Amino acid sequence: CIIWRVSRPRYFIMATTTGEINLDRLERELASAIEADKKYSRENDAKFRAVAQRVATYEEFRDIVKASHLTPLDRKDIVDSSRKQPWNPVAHGQDLGVGSEMAGEGCGSTTTADPGNTQEFMREWRKLKQSVGEQYQLLLQIGGQRLSEIFKVEISMGVLGELLTVLNQGWQEGDATAIHSILASLTLTSRFGLSLSFLSTSEKKEVSELLRKLSVSGTSPPGETGRTPGADELAKLFSVELDT
């Protein structure tokens, strides 16, 4: 007889040399073996990602692994046209969108949150989702360096757009240096380019407005000269063309 081995998990398909091979069955078994191998790799990657994020509890670790098969919705799949944000896998299905209907700008309010990882940040972020002002203050309080550490492993698709939207809508001239630092740090996060490509049309407008404000403010890049990109370089990193 003839034996083919199909990837892991160990799986064998057999056929006699004289008998006819059932191609339909062979195709189904091969597809099943390939899918099992993909699931193994996907869940294994999710486990390493959860460990790298230093999740606080086993439940969080388990949820990340269980959700490893989820993928972002295509824009055509979003029925509710009033929703401005792409689906966010970190939000566990909850809408974190920052819309014009949000009330309570409250830029004078502060928060004492001190998130140490992505999950802690997203929990606090969801608590403040009804107030752009409070979310804005949260970002300023955490600062660019801490944000780059929180999202070191990855910044999920959907989250980047929300951060940029809040920074633009909460913009205050006196915070230009802090915002510059945050934007520069976001470009260093893992999968930044992928998340950037998933920005919605409205989010792209927000980031364009934000970078134009930053350029007009004339703020010098924070940190050591030559290590932090200026406004023009930031615009290129965010794929924004500044008016000349």
Protein backbone atom coordinates (compact mmCIF):
# COMPACT_ATOMS: atom_id res chain seq x y z
CA CYS A 1 0.00 0.00 0.00
CA ILE A 2 0.93 3.66 -0.35
CA ILE A 3 1.11 5.95 2.70
CA TRP A 4 1.15 9.74 2.76
CA ARG A 5 1.95 11.70 5.92
CA VAL A 6 0.16 15.02 6.33
CA SER A 7 1.81 17.53 8.73
CA ARG A 8 1.00 17.59 12.42
CA PRO A 9 -0.97 16.34 14.24
CA ARG A 10 0.05 12.91 13.02
CA TYR A 11 -2.37 11.81 10.40
CA PHE A 12 -2.12 9.11 7.72
CA ILE A 13 -4.03 8.49 4.53
CA MET A 14 -3.86 5.04 2.99
CA ALA A 15 -4.86 3.60 -0.36
CA THR A 16 -4.19 0.27 -2.04
CA THR A 17 -2.03 0.15 -5.13
CA THR A 18 -4.71 -1.76 -7.06
CA GLY A 19 -7.89 -0.18 -5.77
CA GLU A 20 -9.34 3.16 -6.76
CA ILE A 21 -8.61 6.17 -4.61
CA ASN A 22 -11.63 8.09 -3.37
CA LEU A 23 -10.48 11.58 -4.31
CA ASP A 24 -13.37 13.31 -2.53
CA ARG A 25 -12.56 11.58 0.73
CA LEU A 26 -8.86 12.21 0.23
CA GLU A 27 -9.54 15.92 -0.29
CA ARG A 28 -11.72 16.12 2.83
CA GLU A 29 -9.15 14.35 4.99
CA LEU A 30 -6.34 16.51 3.67
CA ALA A 31 -8.34 19.68 4.31
CA SER A 32 -9.11 18.48 7.83
CA ALA A 33 -5.45 17.78 8.54
CA ILE A 34 -4.38 21.17 7.20
CA GLU A 35 -7.01 22.95 9.30
CA ALA A 36 -5.89 21.05 12.43
CA ASP A 37 -2.31 22.13 11.76
CA LYS A 38 -3.37 25.76 11.31
CA LYS A 39 -5.32 25.65 14.58
CA TYR A 40 -2.32 24.24 16.41
CA SER A 41 -0.01 26.98 15.09
CA ARG A 42 -2.56 29.74 15.69
CA GLU A 43 -3.23 28.74 19.30
CA ASN A 44 0.47 28.19 19.98
CA ASP A 45 1.26 31.70 18.73
CA ALA A 46 -1.54 33.08 20.92
CA LYS A 47 -0.04 31.38 23.97
CA PHE A 48 3.38 32.96 23.35
CA ARG A 49 1.70 36.33 22.77
CA ALA A 50 -0.25 36.04 26.04
CA VAL A 51 2.91 35.17 27.98
CA ALA A 52 4.77 38.10 26.42
CA GLN A 53 1.93 40.43 27.46
CA ARG A 54 2.25 39.17 31.05
CA VAL A 55 -1.46 38.66 31.52
CA ALA A 56 -2.56 38.92 35.13
CA THR A 57 -4.75 35.81 35.35
CA TYR A 58 -5.15 32.41 33.74
CA GLU A 59 -8.63 33.46 32.58
CA GLU A 60 -7.11 36.24 30.48
CA PHE A 61 -4.55 33.79 29.09
CA ARG A 62 -7.32 31.32 28.22
CA ASP A 63 -9.47 34.01 26.56
CA ILE A 64 -6.59 35.12 24.33
CA VAL A 65 -6.04 31.54 23.19
CA LYS A 66 -9.76 30.94 22.64
CA ALA A 67 -10.04 34.11 20.57
CA SER A 68 -7.01 33.32 18.41
CA HIS A 69 -9.25 32.34 15.48
CA LEU A 70 -10.99 35.73 15.35
CA THR A 71 -10.16 38.13 12.54
CA PRO A 72 -11.09 41.80 11.95
CA LEU A 73 -14.37 42.46 10.20
CA ASP A 74 -14.22 43.82 6.69
CA ARG A 75 -15.75 47.26 6.40
CA LYS A 76 -18.48 45.89 4.14
CA ASP A 77 -19.46 43.52 6.97
CA ILE A 78 -20.27 46.37 9.32
CA VAL A 79 -24.00 46.96 8.92
CA ASP A 80 -24.33 49.89 11.30
CA SER A 81 -22.99 52.83 9.30
CA SER A 82 -22.97 55.06 12.41
CA ARG A 83 -20.17 52.98 13.90
CA LYS A 84 -16.90 54.72 13.17
CA GLN A 85 -14.42 52.25 14.62
CA PRO A 86 -13.28 48.91 13.19
CA TRP A 87 -14.00 45.93 15.41
CA ASN A 88 -11.53 45.65 18.24
CA PRO A 89 -10.52 42.13 19.28
CA VAL A 90 -9.21 43.31 22.63
CA ALA A 91 -12.62 44.72 23.54
CA HIS A 92 -14.23 41.25 23.54
CA GLY A 93 -16.99 42.38 21.23
CA GLN A 94 -17.79 45.67 22.95
CA ASP A 95 -18.00 48.91 21.00
CA LEU A 96 -15.18 51.25 21.96
CA GLY A 97 -15.92 53.76 19.21
CA VAL A 98 -15.37 57.43 19.75
CA GLY A 99 -18.24 59.16 18.02
CA SER A 100 -19.47 62.70 17.83
CA GLU A 101 -22.36 61.70 20.10
CA MET A 102 -20.02 61.31 23.07
CA ALA A 103 -20.70 63.76 25.84
CA GLY A 104 -18.73 65.05 28.81
CA GLU A 105 -15.53 66.26 27.28
CA GLY A 106 -14.31 67.16 30.77
CA CYS A 107 -10.70 67.87 29.85
CA GLY A 108 -10.11 69.06 33.38
CA SER A 109 -10.81 65.62 34.85
CA THR A 110 -8.03 63.22 35.74
CA THR A 111 -7.68 59.51 36.30
CA THR A 112 -5.46 57.61 38.70
CA ALA A 113 -5.19 54.54 36.49
CA ASP A 114 -1.71 53.10 36.06
CA PRO A 115 -2.09 50.19 33.61
CA GLY A 116 0.86 47.85 33.29
CA ASN A 117 -0.19 45.85 30.23
CA THR A 118 -2.61 45.87 27.30
CA GLN A 119 -5.48 44.23 29.17
CA GLU A 120 -5.30 46.68 32.08
CA PHE A 121 -5.15 49.61 29.68
CA MET A 122 -8.17 48.40 27.69
CA ARG A 123 -10.22 47.88 30.86
CA GLU A 124 -9.57 51.45 31.93
CA TRP A 125 -10.10 52.71 28.37
CA ARG A 126 -13.55 51.09 28.24
CA LYS A 127 -14.52 52.63 31.57
CA LEU A 128 -13.90 56.08 30.10
CA LYS A 129 -15.45 55.44 26.68
CA GLN A 130 -18.25 57.96 27.25
CA SER A 131 -15.81 60.84 27.70
CA VAL A 132 -13.22 61.83 25.11
CA GLY A 133 -11.82 64.29 27.63
CA GLU A 134 -11.08 61.61 30.21
CA GLN A 135 -9.59 59.28 27.62
CA TYR A 136 -7.42 62.15 26.42
CA GLN A 137 -6.21 62.81 29.98
CA LEU A 138 -5.51 59.10 30.44
CA LEU A 139 -3.20 59.09 27.40
CA LEU A 140 -1.37 62.19 28.60
CA GLN A 141 -1.01 60.73 32.09
CA ILE A 142 0.47 57.47 30.81
CA GLY A 143 2.73 59.22 28.29
CA GLY A 144 4.47 58.04 25.15
CA GLN A 145 7.18 55.89 26.74
CA ARG A 146 4.72 53.89 28.86
CA LEU A 147 2.33 53.43 25.93
CA SER A 148 5.13 51.99 23.82
CA GLU A 149 5.83 49.49 26.63
CA ILE A 150 2.14 48.59 27.04
CA PHE A 151 1.74 47.95 23.30
CA LYS A 152 5.22 46.52 22.79
CA VAL A 153 3.90 43.14 21.68
CA GLU A 154 1.24 44.58 19.38
CA ILE A 155 -1.31 47.35 19.05
CA SER A 156 -4.54 45.72 17.95
CA MET A 157 -6.42 46.80 14.86
CA GLY A 158 -9.07 49.32 15.94
CA VAL A 159 -7.20 50.54 19.01
CA LEU A 160 -4.76 52.72 17.06
CA GLY A 161 -7.62 54.56 15.38
CA GLU A 162 -9.30 55.23 18.72
CA LEU A 163 -6.14 56.65 20.27
CA LEU A 164 -5.52 58.97 17.33
CA THR A 165 -9.14 60.12 17.28
CA VAL A 166 -9.10 60.96 20.98
CA LEU A 167 -5.80 62.84 20.68
CA ASN A 168 -7.20 64.96 17.84
CA GLN A 169 -10.58 65.65 19.44
CA GLY A 170 -9.01 66.46 22.81
CA TRP A 171 -6.12 68.51 21.34
CA GLN A 172 -4.86 71.42 23.41
CA GLU A 173 -1.98 73.57 22.23
CA GLY A 174 -0.16 73.28 25.54
CA ASP A 175 -0.06 69.48 25.22
CA ALA A 176 1.68 69.47 21.84
CA THR A 177 4.99 68.12 23.19
CA ALA A 178 3.27 65.28 25.07
CA ILE A 179 1.19 64.39 22.01
CA HIS A 180 4.32 64.43 19.85
CA SER A 181 5.91 61.93 22.23
CA ILE A 182 2.84 59.68 22.16
CA LEU A 183 2.66 59.66 18.36
CA ALA A 184 6.36 58.88 18.04
CA SER A 185 6.03 56.02 20.53
CA LEU A 186 3.04 54.53 18.71
CA THR A 187 5.10 54.20 15.54
CA LEU A 188 7.48 51.90 17.43
CA THR A 189 4.81 49.43 18.52
CA SER A 190 4.59 46.00 16.94
CA ARG A 191 2.24 45.72 13.93
CA PHE A 192 1.91 49.50 13.73
CA GLY A 193 1.94 49.40 9.93
CA LEU A 194 -0.78 46.74 9.82
CA SER A 195 -3.01 48.64 12.26
CA LEU A 196 -2.42 51.84 10.28
CA SER A 197 -3.66 50.16 7.11
CA PHE A 198 -6.93 49.30 8.85
CA LEU A 199 -7.81 52.88 9.79
CA SER A 200 -11.26 53.90 8.62
CA THR A 201 -11.80 56.96 6.42
CA SER A 202 -12.91 59.05 9.40
CA GLU A 203 -9.89 57.95 11.44
CA LYS A 204 -7.54 58.91 8.60
CA LYS A 205 -9.10 62.38 8.62
CA GLU A 206 -8.57 62.60 12.38
CA VAL A 207 -4.88 61.72 12.17
CA SER A 208 -4.38 64.14 9.27
CA GLU A 209 -5.90 66.98 11.30
CA LEU A 210 -3.85 66.00 14.34
CA LEU A 211 -0.54 66.00 12.48
CA ARG A 212 -1.33 69.33 10.81
CA LYS A 213 -2.02 70.84 14.24
CA LEU A 214 1.27 69.42 15.48
CA SER A 215 3.14 70.79 12.48
CA VAL A 216 1.63 74.27 12.88
CA SER A 217 2.42 74.29 16.63
CA GLY A 218 6.14 74.19 15.77
CA THR A 219 6.85 71.91 18.71
CA SER A 220 10.34 70.43 18.83
CA PRO A 221 10.56 66.66 19.12
CA PRO A 222 10.94 65.53 22.74
CA GLY A 223 13.92 63.41 23.73
CA GLU A 224 17.36 63.29 22.20
CA THR A 225 17.92 65.07 18.92
CA GLY A 226 17.96 62.72 15.98
CA ARG A 227 16.20 59.88 17.83
CA THR A 228 12.64 61.23 17.86
CA PRO A 229 11.03 62.03 14.49
CA GLY A 230 9.93 65.57 13.79
CA ALA A 231 6.44 66.53 12.64
CA ASP A 232 7.28 66.04 8.96
CA GLU A 233 8.79 62.61 9.55
CA LEU A 234 5.86 61.62 11.76
CA ALA A 235 3.51 62.56 8.95
CA LYS A 236 5.37 60.21 6.61
CA LEU A 237 5.21 57.40 9.17
CA PHE A 238 1.45 57.90 9.44
CA SER A 239 1.12 58.20 5.64
CA VAL A 240 -0.14 61.79 5.87
CA GLU A 241 0.74 64.56 3.41
CA LEU A 242 1.08 67.88 5.17
CA ASP A 243 0.01 71.01 3.35
CA THR A 244 2.98 72.95 2.03
